[in-house]
Structures are given as C-alpha cells and as structure tokens.
Amino acid sequence: MCLGIPGRVMEIWDEESGARMARVEFPGEVKRLCLAYLPDLQVGEYTIAHAGFALSRIDEDSARLTLATMAEYGVFGDEGVVPS
C-alpha cells in the first residue's frame, strides 16, 4: 500500500511531446510529475501523486494538515524533514 503524500507545484511546462509536466515539492525531495490527469493544475496548488502522475488536487489547508499529521506520526523518518 502507498501513502499519498501532498506536494506543492513549483513549476509547470510542456514537453516537446506535448506532455504537460510539473516540478513538485514533497517533504525532503522534489519530483517531476506528469499532469496528464490534471492538466489545469496551477503553480502553488497541491497534489497527491502516484507512479509519476499527479492524480488529485487538494486544498492548501488539507495538504498542511495531512503533512503535519504524517510528520507527527514519523512518516518522514528521522531525517529531520520538516514539511513546509
């Protein structure tokens, strides 16, 4: 089972192939995601991703609450990762 960790969209661009892509910040890392399922996602919005695809949009309050709860339960390990 996978945990859906919220990430904040930092940058969006279109590849030469036509694929809409985004750079998304997650606690402790930044990932490149395909926006095929959420082509209208905007910079600053939050998403839940799986297997390299942004799958759902969530509001900022829900994202922050989820990240805080995950941090409280140690989901991010001992790395000292603090969700923004």
PDB file of N, CA and C in Angstrom:
ATOM      1  N   MET A   1       0.838  -1.168   0.000  1.00  0.00           N
ATOM      2  CA  MET A   1       0.000   0.000   0.000  1.00  0.00           C
ATOM      3  C   MET A   1       0.892   1.243   0.000  1.00  0.00           C
ATOM      4  N   CYS A   2       0.466   2.263  -0.699  1.00  0.00           N
ATOM      5  CA  CYS A   2       1.217   3.518  -0.782  1.00  0.00           C
ATOM      6  C   CYS A   2       0.511   4.601   0.012  1.00  0.00           C
ATOM      7  N   LEU A   3       1.307   5.499   0.554  1.00  0.00           N
ATOM      8  CA  LEU A   3       0.747   6.677   1.208  1.00  0.00           C
ATOM      9  C   LEU A   3       0.707   7.812   0.207  1.00  0.00           C
ATOM     10  N   GLY A   4      -0.394   8.522   0.153  1.00  0.00           N
ATOM     11  CA  GLY A   4      -0.497   9.688  -0.720  1.00  0.00           C
ATOM     12  C   GLY A   4       0.020  10.911   0.009  1.00  0.00           C
ATOM     13  N   ILE A   5       1.210  11.348  -0.329  1.00  0.00           N
ATOM     14  CA  ILE A   5       1.820  12.499   0.329  1.00  0.00           C
ATOM     15  C   ILE A   5       1.565  13.743  -0.516  1.00  0.00           C
ATOM     16  N   PRO A   6       1.008  14.790   0.083  1.00  0.00           N
ATOM     17  CA  PRO A   6       0.767  16.019  -0.669  1.00  0.00           C
ATOM     18  C   PRO A   6       2.071  16.695  -1.083  1.00  0.00           C
ATOM     19  N   GLY A   7       2.068  17.249  -2.277  1.00  0.00           N
ATOM     20  CA  GLY A   7       3.209  18.014  -2.773  1.00  0.00           C
ATOM     21  C   GLY A   7       2.722  19.312  -3.392  1.00  0.00           C
ATOM     22  N   ARG A   8       3.566  20.350  -3.333  1.00  0.00           N
ATOM     23  CA  ARG A   8       3.211  21.668  -3.870  1.00  0.00           C
ATOM     24  C   ARG A   8       3.862  21.870  -5.225  1.00  0.00           C
ATOM     25  N   VAL A   9       3.075  22.278  -6.204  1.00  0.00           N
ATOM     26  CA  VAL A   9       3.560  22.508  -7.565  1.00  0.00           C
ATOM     27  C   VAL A   9       4.439  23.757  -7.584  1.00  0.00           C
ATOM     28  N   MET A  10       5.665  23.587  -8.062  1.00  0.00           N
ATOM     29  CA  MET A  10       6.637  24.683  -8.102  1.00  0.00           C
ATOM     30  C   MET A  10       6.790  25.277  -9.503  1.00  0.00           C
ATOM     31  N   GLU A  11       6.639  24.446 -10.530  1.00  0.00           N
ATOM     32  CA  GLU A  11       6.870  24.868 -11.915  1.00  0.00           C
ATOM     33  C   GLU A  11       6.084  23.946 -12.844  1.00  0.00           C
ATOM     34  N   ILE A  12       5.596  24.491 -13.948  1.00  0.00           N
ATOM     35  CA  ILE A  12       4.866  23.706 -14.950  1.00  0.00           C
ATOM     36  C   ILE A  12       5.417  24.039 -16.329  1.00  0.00           C
ATOM     37  N   TRP A  13       5.539  23.018 -17.180  1.00  0.00           N
ATOM     38  CA  TRP A  13       5.989  23.231 -18.555  1.00  0.00           C
ATOM     39  C   TRP A  13       5.397  22.148 -19.454  1.00  0.00           C
ATOM     40  N   ASP A  14       5.463  22.397 -20.751  1.00  0.00           N
ATOM     41  CA  ASP A  14       5.023  21.415 -21.742  1.00  0.00           C
ATOM     42  C   ASP A  14       6.246  20.853 -22.446  1.00  0.00           C
ATOM     43  N   GLU A  15       6.350  19.532 -22.474  1.00  0.00           N
ATOM     44  CA  GLU A  15       7.435  18.851 -23.172  1.00  0.00           C
ATOM     45  C   GLU A  15       7.207  18.960 -24.683  1.00  0.00           C
ATOM     46  N   GLU A  16       8.251  18.727 -25.456  1.00  0.00           N
ATOM     47  CA  GLU A  16       8.117  18.727 -26.920  1.00  0.00           C
ATOM     48  C   GLU A  16       7.092  17.698 -27.386  1.00  0.00           C
ATOM     49  N   SER A  17       6.956  16.625 -26.633  1.00  0.00           N
ATOM     50  CA  SER A  17       5.996  15.567 -26.972  1.00  0.00           C
ATOM     51  C   SER A  17       4.552  16.000 -26.731  1.00  0.00           C
ATOM     52  N   GLY A  18       4.382  17.139 -26.048  1.00  0.00           N
ATOM     53  CA  GLY A  18       3.046  17.622 -25.713  1.00  0.00           C
ATOM     54  C   GLY A  18       2.626  17.290 -24.293  1.00  0.00           C
ATOM     55  N   ALA A  19       3.420  16.478 -23.600  1.00  0.00           N
ATOM     56  CA  ALA A  19       3.096  16.119 -22.219  1.00  0.00           C
ATOM     57  C   ALA A  19       3.268  17.330 -21.308  1.00  0.00           C
ATOM     58  N   ARG A  20       2.262  17.591 -20.495  1.00  0.00           N
ATOM     59  CA  ARG A  20       2.332  18.683 -19.517  1.00  0.00           C
ATOM     60  C   ARG A  20       2.995  18.119 -18.262  1.00  0.00           C
ATOM     61  N   MET A  21       4.047  18.778 -17.800  1.00  0.00           N
ATOM     62  CA  MET A  21       4.855  18.282 -16.687  1.00  0.00           C
ATOM     63  C   MET A  21       4.940  19.331 -15.582  1.00  0.00           C
ATOM     64  N   ALA A  22       5.310  18.880 -14.391  1.00  0.00           N
ATOM     65  CA  ALA A  22       5.460  19.796 -13.261  1.00  0.00           C
ATOM     66  C   ALA A  22       6.603  19.352 -12.370  1.00  0.00           C
ATOM     67  N   ARG A  23       7.221  20.334 -11.731  1.00  0.00           N
ATOM     68  CA  ARG A  23       8.183  20.078 -10.661  1.00  0.00           C
ATOM     69  C   ARG A  23       7.398  20.292  -9.372  1.00  0.00           C
ATOM     70  N   VAL A  24       7.342  19.247  -8.534  1.00  0.00           N
ATOM     71  CA  VAL A  24       6.510  19.257  -7.336  1.00  0.00           C
ATOM     72  C   VAL A  24       7.380  18.996  -6.111  1.00  0.00           C
ATOM     73  N   GLU A  25       7.213  19.844  -5.108  1.00  0.00           N
ATOM     74  CA  GLU A  25       7.992  19.740  -3.873  1.00  0.00           C
ATOM     75  C   GLU A  25       7.233  18.902  -2.851  1.00  0.00           C
ATOM     76  N   PHE A  26       7.885  17.826  -2.419  1.00  0.00           N
ATOM     77  CA  PHE A  26       7.392  16.967  -1.353  1.00  0.00           C
ATOM     78  C   PHE A  26       8.350  17.115  -0.175  1.00  0.00           C
ATOM     79  N   PRO A  27       7.961  16.708   1.027  1.00  0.00           N
ATOM     80  CA  PRO A  27       8.887  16.806   2.156  1.00  0.00           C
ATOM     81  C   PRO A  27      10.195  16.063   1.869  1.00  0.00           C
ATOM     82  N   GLY A  28      11.280  16.805   1.826  1.00  0.00           N
ATOM     83  CA  GLY A  28      12.594  16.209   1.645  1.00  0.00           C
ATOM     84  C   GLY A  28      13.029  15.959   0.219  1.00  0.00           C
ATOM     85  N   GLU A  29      12.176  16.240  -0.767  1.00  0.00           N
ATOM     86  CA  GLU A  29      12.576  15.999  -2.155  1.00  0.00           C
ATOM     87  C   GLU A  29      11.676  16.750  -3.141  1.00  0.00           C
ATOM     88  N   VAL A  30      12.174  16.866  -4.351  1.00  0.00           N
ATOM     89  CA  VAL A  30      11.408  17.462  -5.450  1.00  0.00           C
ATOM     90  C   VAL A  30      11.301  16.413  -6.547  1.00  0.00           C
ATOM     91  N   LYS A  31      10.094  16.234  -7.073  1.00  0.00           N
ATOM     92  CA  LYS A  31       9.863  15.221  -8.111  1.00  0.00           C
ATOM     93  C   LYS A  31       9.297  15.868  -9.366  1.00  0.00           C
ATOM     94  N   ARG A  32       9.541  15.220 -10.482  1.00  0.00           N
ATOM     95  CA  ARG A  32       8.993  15.616 -11.780  1.00  0.00           C
ATOM     96  C   ARG A  32       7.769  14.735 -12.025  1.00  0.00           C
ATOM     97  N   LEU A  33       6.607  15.353 -12.244  1.00  0.00           N
ATOM     98  CA  LEU A  33       5.369  14.606 -12.428  1.00  0.00           C
ATOM     99  C   LEU A  33       4.696  14.958 -13.744  1.00  0.00           C
ATOM    100  N   CYS A  34       3.978  14.003 -14.277  1.00  0.00           N
ATOM    101  CA  CYS A  34       3.156  14.216 -15.462  1.00  0.00           C
ATOM    102  C   CYS A  34       1.773  14.708 -15.017  1.00  0.00           C
ATOM    103  N   LEU A  35       1.253  15.717 -15.711  1.00  0.00           N
ATOM    104  CA  LEU A  35      -0.052  16.289 -15.375  1.00  0.00           C
ATOM    105  C   LEU A  35      -1.158  15.832 -16.330  1.00  0.00           C
ATOM    106  N   ALA A  36      -0.992  14.682 -16.946  1.00  0.00           N
ATOM    107  CA  ALA A  36      -1.982  14.189 -17.913  1.00  0.00           C
ATOM    108  C   ALA A  36      -3.383  14.095 -17.310  1.00  0.00           C
ATOM    109  N   TYR A  37      -3.488  13.749 -16.025  1.00  0.00           N
ATOM    110  CA  TYR A  37      -4.793  13.590 -15.384  1.00  0.00           C
ATOM    111  C   TYR A  37      -5.305  14.883 -14.761  1.00  0.00           C
ATOM    112  N   LEU A  38      -4.424  15.872 -14.593  1.00  0.00           N
ATOM    113  CA  LEU A  38      -4.797  17.174 -14.022  1.00  0.00           C
ATOM    114  C   LEU A  38      -4.156  18.297 -14.832  1.00  0.00           C
ATOM    115  N   PRO A  39      -4.489  18.421 -16.103  1.00  0.00           N
ATOM    116  CA  PRO A  39      -3.803  19.396 -16.956  1.00  0.00           C
ATOM    117  C   PRO A  39      -4.012  20.850 -16.548  1.00  0.00           C
ATOM    118  N   ASP A  40      -5.043  21.130 -15.740  1.00  0.00           N
ATOM    119  CA  ASP A  40      -5.297  22.508 -15.324  1.00  0.00           C
ATOM    120  C   ASP A  40      -4.700  22.845 -13.954  1.00  0.00           C
ATOM    121  N   LEU A  41      -3.908  21.945 -13.393  1.00  0.00           N
ATOM    122  CA  LEU A  41      -3.237  22.211 -12.123  1.00  0.00           C
ATOM    123  C   LEU A  41      -2.336  23.434 -12.285  1.00  0.00           C
ATOM    124  N   GLN A  42      -2.276  24.283 -11.260  1.00  0.00           N
ATOM    125  CA  GLN A  42      -1.528  25.535 -11.336  1.00  0.00           C
ATOM    126  C   GLN A  42      -0.377  25.561 -10.330  1.00  0.00           C
ATOM    127  N   VAL A  43       0.627  26.384 -10.614  1.00  0.00           N
ATOM    128  CA  VAL A  43       1.738  26.596  -9.683  1.00  0.00           C
ATOM    129  C   VAL A  43       1.159  27.076  -8.354  1.00  0.00           C
ATOM    130  N   GLY A  44       1.653  26.491  -7.257  1.00  0.00           N
ATOM    131  CA  GLY A  44       1.188  26.842  -5.924  1.00  0.00           C
ATOM    132  C   GLY A  44       0.117  25.919  -5.384  1.00  0.00           C
ATOM    133  N   GLU A  45      -0.535  25.150  -6.261  1.00  0.00           N
ATOM    134  CA  GLU A  45      -1.551  24.212  -5.805  1.00  0.00           C
ATOM    135  C   GLU A  45      -0.883  22.934  -5.295  1.00  0.00           C
ATOM    136  N   TYR A  46      -1.659  22.140  -4.563  1.00  0.00           N
ATOM    137  CA  TYR A  46      -1.167  20.885  -4.003  1.00  0.00           C
ATOM    138  C   TYR A  46      -1.798  19.707  -4.723  1.00  0.00           C
ATOM    139  N   THR A  47      -1.024  18.634  -4.812  1.00  0.00           N
ATOM    140  CA  THR A  47      -1.499  17.428  -5.478  1.00  0.00           C
ATOM    141  C   THR A  47      -1.046  16.191  -4.714  1.00  0.00           C
ATOM    142  N   ILE A  48      -1.765  15.107  -4.930  1.00  0.00           N
ATOM    143  CA  ILE A  48      -1.359  13.777  -4.474  1.00  0.00           C
ATOM    144  C   ILE A  48      -0.917  13.034  -5.730  1.00  0.00           C
ATOM    145  N   ALA A  49       0.227  12.379  -5.668  1.00  0.00           N
ATOM    146  CA  ALA A  49       0.793  11.727  -6.849  1.00  0.00           C
ATOM    147  C   ALA A  49       1.022  10.237  -6.600  1.00  0.00           C
ATOM    148  N   HIS A  50       1.072   9.506  -7.707  1.00  0.00           N
ATOM    149  CA  HIS A  50       1.422   8.084  -7.657  1.00  0.00           C
ATOM    150  C   HIS A  50       2.048   7.706  -8.990  1.00  0.00           C
ATOM    151  N   ALA A  51       3.137   6.985  -8.930  1.00  0.00           N
ATOM    152  CA  ALA A  51       3.810   6.445 -10.118  1.00  0.00           C
ATOM    153  C   ALA A  51       4.142   7.519 -11.155  1.00  0.00           C
ATOM    154  N   GLY A  52       4.525   8.696 -10.673  1.00  0.00           N
ATOM    155  CA  GLY A  52       4.957   9.759 -11.575  1.00  0.00           C
ATOM    156  C   GLY A  52       3.849  10.611 -12.162  1.00  0.00           C
ATOM    157  N   PHE A  53       2.610  10.406 -11.701  1.00  0.00           N
ATOM    158  CA  PHE A  53       1.468  11.175 -12.191  1.00  0.00           C
ATOM    159  C   PHE A  53       0.792  11.923 -11.047  1.00  0.00           C
ATOM    160  N   ALA A  54       0.415  13.173 -11.280  1.00  0.00           N
ATOM    161  CA  ALA A  54      -0.430  13.911 -10.347  1.00  0.00           C
ATOM    162  C   ALA A  54      -1.842  13.361 -10.526  1.00  0.00           C
ATOM    163  N   LEU A  55      -2.432  12.847  -9.438  1.00  0.00           N
ATOM    164  CA  LEU A  55      -3.729  12.179  -9.560  1.00  0.00           C
ATOM    165  C   LEU A  55      -4.896  12.958  -8.991  1.00  0.00           C
ATOM    166  N   SER A  56      -4.650  13.758  -7.963  1.00  0.00           N
ATOM    167  CA  SER A  56      -5.747  14.527  -7.381  1.00  0.00           C
ATOM    168  C   SER A  56      -5.233  15.850  -6.843  1.00  0.00           C
ATOM    169  N   ARG A  57      -6.108  16.820  -6.838  1.00  0.00           N
ATOM    170  CA  ARG A  57      -5.801  18.157  -6.331  1.00  0.00           C
ATOM    171  C   ARG A  57      -6.385  18.235  -4.917  1.00  0.00           C
ATOM    172  N   ILE A  58      -5.634  18.831  -3.991  1.00  0.00           N
ATOM    173  CA  ILE A  58      -6.176  19.067  -2.655  1.00  0.00           C
ATOM    174  C   ILE A  58      -5.898  20.513  -2.270  1.00  0.00           C
ATOM    175  N   ASP A  59      -6.745  21.034  -1.388  1.00  0.00           N
ATOM    176  CA  ASP A  59      -6.570  22.425  -0.983  1.00  0.00           C
ATOM    177  C   ASP A  59      -5.404  22.551   0.004  1.00  0.00           C
ATOM    178  N   GLU A  60      -4.900  23.769   0.150  1.00  0.00           N
ATOM    179  CA  GLU A  60      -3.707  24.005   0.966  1.00  0.00           C
ATOM    180  C   GLU A  60      -3.917  23.612   2.420  1.00  0.00           C
ATOM    181  N   ASP A  61      -5.080  23.921   2.995  1.00  0.00           N
ATOM    182  CA  ASP A  61      -5.331  23.570   4.395  1.00  0.00           C
ATOM    183  C   ASP A  61      -5.276  22.057   4.606  1.00  0.00           C
ATOM    184  N   SER A  62      -5.901  21.305   3.711  1.00  0.00           N
ATOM    185  CA  SER A  62      -5.875  19.838   3.812  1.00  0.00           C
ATOM    186  C   SER A  62      -4.460  19.305   3.648  1.00  0.00           C
ATOM    187  N   ALA A  63      -3.710  19.890   2.713  1.00  0.00           N
ATOM    188  CA  ALA A  63      -2.327  19.457   2.492  1.00  0.00           C
ATOM    189  C   ALA A  63      -1.486  19.694   3.739  1.00  0.00           C
ATOM    190  N   ARG A  64      -1.593  20.891   4.317  1.00  0.00           N
ATOM    191  CA  ARG A  64      -0.796  21.212   5.509  1.00  0.00           C
ATOM    192  C   ARG A  64      -1.174  20.326   6.696  1.00  0.00           C
ATOM    193  N   LEU A  65      -2.465  20.081   6.886  1.00  0.00           N
ATOM    194  CA  LEU A  65      -2.911  19.214   7.973  1.00  0.00           C
ATOM    195  C   LEU A  65      -2.397  17.790   7.771  1.00  0.00           C
ATOM    196  N   THR A  66      -2.490  17.288   6.559  1.00  0.00           N
ATOM    197  CA  THR A  66      -2.001  15.941   6.251  1.00  0.00           C
ATOM    198  C   THR A  66      -0.502  15.833   6.488  1.00  0.00           C
ATOM    199  N   LEU A  67       0.259  16.825   6.015  1.00  0.00           N
ATOM    200  CA  LEU A  67       1.713  16.814   6.202  1.00  0.00           C
ATOM    201  C   LEU A  67       2.084  16.883   7.681  1.00  0.00           C
ATOM    202  N   ALA A  68       1.388  17.716   8.443  1.00  0.00           N
ATOM    203  CA  ALA A  68       1.670  17.832   9.879  1.00  0.00           C
ATOM    204  C   ALA A  68       1.366  16.522  10.601  1.00  0.00           C
ATOM    205  N   THR A  69       0.261  15.884  10.246  1.00  0.00           N
ATOM    206  CA  THR A  69      -0.107  14.609  10.869  1.00  0.00           C
ATOM    207  C   THR A  69       0.903  13.524  10.516  1.00  0.00           C
ATOM    208  N   MET A  70       1.317  13.477   9.260  1.00  0.00           N
ATOM    209  CA  MET A  70       2.321  12.492   8.843  1.00  0.00           C
ATOM    210  C   MET A  70       3.638  12.715   9.581  1.00  0.00           C
ATOM    211  N   ALA A  71       4.035  13.967   9.737  1.00  0.00           N
ATOM    212  CA  ALA A  71       5.274  14.275  10.462  1.00  0.00           C
ATOM    213  C   ALA A  71       5.149  13.849  11.922  1.00  0.00           C
ATOM    214  N   GLU A  72       3.995  14.116  12.518  1.00  0.00           N
ATOM    215  CA  GLU A  72       3.755  13.746  13.916  1.00  0.00           C
ATOM    216  C   GLU A  72       3.876  12.238  14.122  1.00  0.00           C
ATOM    217  N   TYR A  73       3.438  11.459  13.146  1.00  0.00           N
ATOM    218  CA  TYR A  73       3.495  10.003  13.240  1.00  0.00           C
ATOM    219  C   TYR A  73       4.797   9.410  12.706  1.00  0.00           C
ATOM    220  N   GLY A  74       5.747  10.263  12.352  1.00  0.00           N
ATOM    221  CA  GLY A  74       7.060   9.787  11.943  1.00  0.00           C
ATOM    222  C   GLY A  74       7.144   9.223  10.541  1.00  0.00           C
ATOM    223  N   VAL A  75       6.201   9.558   9.696  1.00  0.00           N
ATOM    224  CA  VAL A  75       6.184   9.027   8.331  1.00  0.00           C
ATOM    225  C   VAL A  75       7.439   9.417   7.556  1.00  0.00           C
ATOM    226  N   PHE A  76       7.984  10.588   7.852  1.00  0.00           N
ATOM    227  CA  PHE A  76       9.136  11.082   7.103  1.00  0.00           C
ATOM    228  C   PHE A  76      10.467  10.632   7.698  1.00  0.00           C
ATOM    229  N   GLY A  77      10.425   9.751   8.695  1.00  0.00           N
ATOM    230  CA  GLY A  77      11.642   9.177   9.262  1.00  0.00           C
ATOM    231  C   GLY A  77      12.396  10.126  10.164  1.00  0.00           C
ATOM    232  N   ASP A  78      13.640   9.767  10.436  1.00  0.00           N
ATOM    233  CA  ASP A  78      14.487  10.527  11.351  1.00  0.00           C
ATOM    234  C   ASP A  78      15.343  11.546  10.634  1.00  0.00           C
ATOM    235  N   GLU A  79      15.041  11.844   9.389  1.00  0.00           N
ATOM    236  CA  GLU A  79      15.894  12.698   8.569  1.00  0.00           C
ATOM    237  C   GLU A  79      15.808  14.166   8.947  1.00  0.00           C
ATOM    238  N   GLY A  80      14.923  14.509   9.868  1.00  0.00           N
ATOM    239  CA  GLY A  80      14.746  15.909  10.205  1.00  0.00           C
ATOM    240  C   GLY A  80      13.970  16.659   9.140  1.00  0.00           C
ATOM    241  N   VAL A  81      13.197  15.935   8.342  1.00  0.00           N
ATOM    242  CA  VAL A  81      12.402  16.565   7.288  1.00  0.00           C
ATOM    243  C   VAL A  81      11.233  17.286   7.936  1.00  0.00           C
ATOM    244  N   VAL A  82      11.114  18.554   7.637  1.00  0.00           N
ATOM    245  CA  VAL A  82      10.006  19.349   8.148  1.00  0.00           C
ATOM    246  C   VAL A  82       9.165  19.791   6.963  1.00  0.00           C
ATOM    247  N   PRO A  83       7.913  19.325   6.890  1.00  0.00           N
ATOM    248  CA  PRO A  83       7.060  19.728   5.774  1.00  0.00           C
ATOM    249  C   PRO A  83       6.817  21.224   5.786  1.00  0.00           C
ATOM    250  N   SER A  84       6.773  21.829   4.596  1.00  0.00           N
ATOM    251  CA  SER A  84       6.506  23.270   4.518  1.00  0.00           C
ATOM    252  C   SER A  84       5.029  23.529   4.408  1.00  0.00           C
TER     253      SER A  84
END
